[in-house]
C-alpha atoms as a PDB file:
ATOM      1  CA  MET A   1     -22.826   9.397   9.226  1.00  0.00           C
ATOM      2  CA  GLU A   2     -24.533  10.812  12.253  1.00  0.00           C
ATOM      3  CA  LYS A   3     -23.420   9.835  15.701  1.00  0.00           C
ATOM      4  CA  LEU A   4     -25.459   6.983  17.152  1.00  0.00           C
ATOM      5  CA  THR A   5     -27.067   7.235  20.575  1.00  0.00           C
ATOM      6  CA  ARG A   6     -26.122   4.752  23.267  1.00  0.00           C
ATOM      7  CA  PHE A   7     -29.511   3.098  22.798  1.00  0.00           C
ATOM      8  CA  GLU A   8     -28.968   2.641  19.066  1.00  0.00           C
ATOM      9  CA  ARG A   9     -25.494   1.217  19.671  1.00  0.00           C
ATOM     10  CA  ALA A  10     -26.860  -1.224  22.246  1.00  0.00           C
ATOM     11  CA  ARG A  11     -29.671  -2.312  19.927  1.00  0.00           C
ATOM     12  CA  ILE A  12     -27.336  -2.876  16.984  1.00  0.00           C
ATOM     13  CA  ILE A  13     -24.771  -4.823  19.006  1.00  0.00           C
ATOM     14  CA  GLY A  14     -27.503  -6.871  20.700  1.00  0.00           C
ATOM     15  CA  ALA A  15     -29.213  -7.704  17.415  1.00  0.00           C
ATOM     16  CA  ARG A  16     -25.914  -8.722  15.801  1.00  0.00           C
ATOM     17  CA  ALA A  17     -24.957 -10.842  18.844  1.00  0.00           C
ATOM     18  CA  LEU A  18     -28.301 -12.651  18.543  1.00  0.00           C
ATOM     19  CA  GLN A  19     -27.641 -13.308  14.850  1.00  0.00           C
ATOM     20  CA  LEU A  20     -24.211 -14.732  15.684  1.00  0.00           C
ATOM     21  CA  ALA A  21     -25.651 -16.890  18.467  1.00  0.00           C
ATOM     22  CA  MET A  22     -28.195 -18.300  16.000  1.00  0.00           C
ATOM     23  CA  GLY A  23     -25.442 -19.349  13.598  1.00  0.00           C
ATOM     24  CA  ALA A  24     -24.724 -16.355  11.354  1.00  0.00           C
ATOM     25  CA  PRO A  25     -21.127 -16.280  10.101  1.00  0.00           C
ATOM     26  CA  PRO A  26     -18.883 -13.653  11.722  1.00  0.00           C
ATOM     27  CA  LEU A  27     -17.690 -10.843   9.448  1.00  0.00           C
ATOM     28  CA  ILE A  28     -14.253 -10.635  11.078  1.00  0.00           C
ATOM     29  CA  PRO A  29     -11.667 -13.338  11.793  1.00  0.00           C
ATOM     30  CA  THR A  30     -12.391 -14.783  15.246  1.00  0.00           C
ATOM     31  CA  ASN A  31     -11.518 -17.595  17.550  1.00  0.00           C
ATOM     32  CA  ARG A  32     -14.004 -20.418  17.063  1.00  0.00           C
ATOM     33  CA  PHE A  33     -15.012 -20.208  20.728  1.00  0.00           C
ATOM     34  CA  SER A  34     -15.460 -16.422  20.962  1.00  0.00           C
ATOM     35  CA  ALA A  35     -18.607 -15.202  22.701  1.00  0.00           C
ATOM     36  CA  PRO A  36     -21.192 -13.740  20.279  1.00  0.00           C
ATOM     37  CA  LEU A  37     -21.404 -10.484  22.234  1.00  0.00           C
ATOM     38  CA  GLU A  38     -17.644  -9.933  22.062  1.00  0.00           C
ATOM     39  CA  VAL A  39     -17.611 -10.657  18.326  1.00  0.00           C
ATOM     40  CA  ALA A  40     -20.535  -8.256  17.797  1.00  0.00           C
ATOM     41  CA  LYS A  41     -18.738  -5.491  19.728  1.00  0.00           C
ATOM     42  CA  GLU A  42     -15.588  -5.963  17.662  1.00  0.00           C
ATOM     43  CA  GLU A  43     -17.563  -5.948  14.412  1.00  0.00           C
ATOM     44  CA  PHE A  44     -19.251  -2.712  15.516  1.00  0.00           C
ATOM     45  CA  LYS A  45     -15.879  -1.098  16.333  1.00  0.00           C
ATOM     46  CA  LYS A  46     -14.560  -2.029  12.880  1.00  0.00           C
ATOM     47  CA  GLY A  47     -17.718  -0.743  11.177  1.00  0.00           C
ATOM     48  CA  VAL A  48     -18.651  -3.981   9.394  1.00  0.00           C
ATOM     49  CA  VAL A  49     -22.008  -4.645  11.049  1.00  0.00           C
ATOM     50  CA  PRO A  50     -24.644  -4.983   8.291  1.00  0.00           C
ATOM     51  CA  ILE A  51     -27.311  -3.064  10.211  1.00  0.00           C
ATOM     52  CA  THR A  52     -28.353   0.536   9.535  1.00  0.00           C
ATOM     53  CA  VAL A  53     -30.399   3.075  11.470  1.00  0.00           C
ATOM     54  CA  ILE A  54     -33.066   5.089   9.658  1.00  0.00           C
ATOM     55  CA  ARG A  55     -34.466   8.103  11.471  1.00  0.00           C
ATOM     56  CA  GLU A  56     -37.603   9.888  10.421  1.00  0.00           C
END
């Protein structure tokens, strides 16, 4: 896997945080009251975010 740019990382984490805020189930065990952004960051660190980057 190629290294992601800071812009790609921000976009992925932001998109996943929005999904979590809209009610998507978290992919890692979390506290019920965890902030969506914090959960998204942790998911990204663990490599379980279901979002890919395709470059042309």
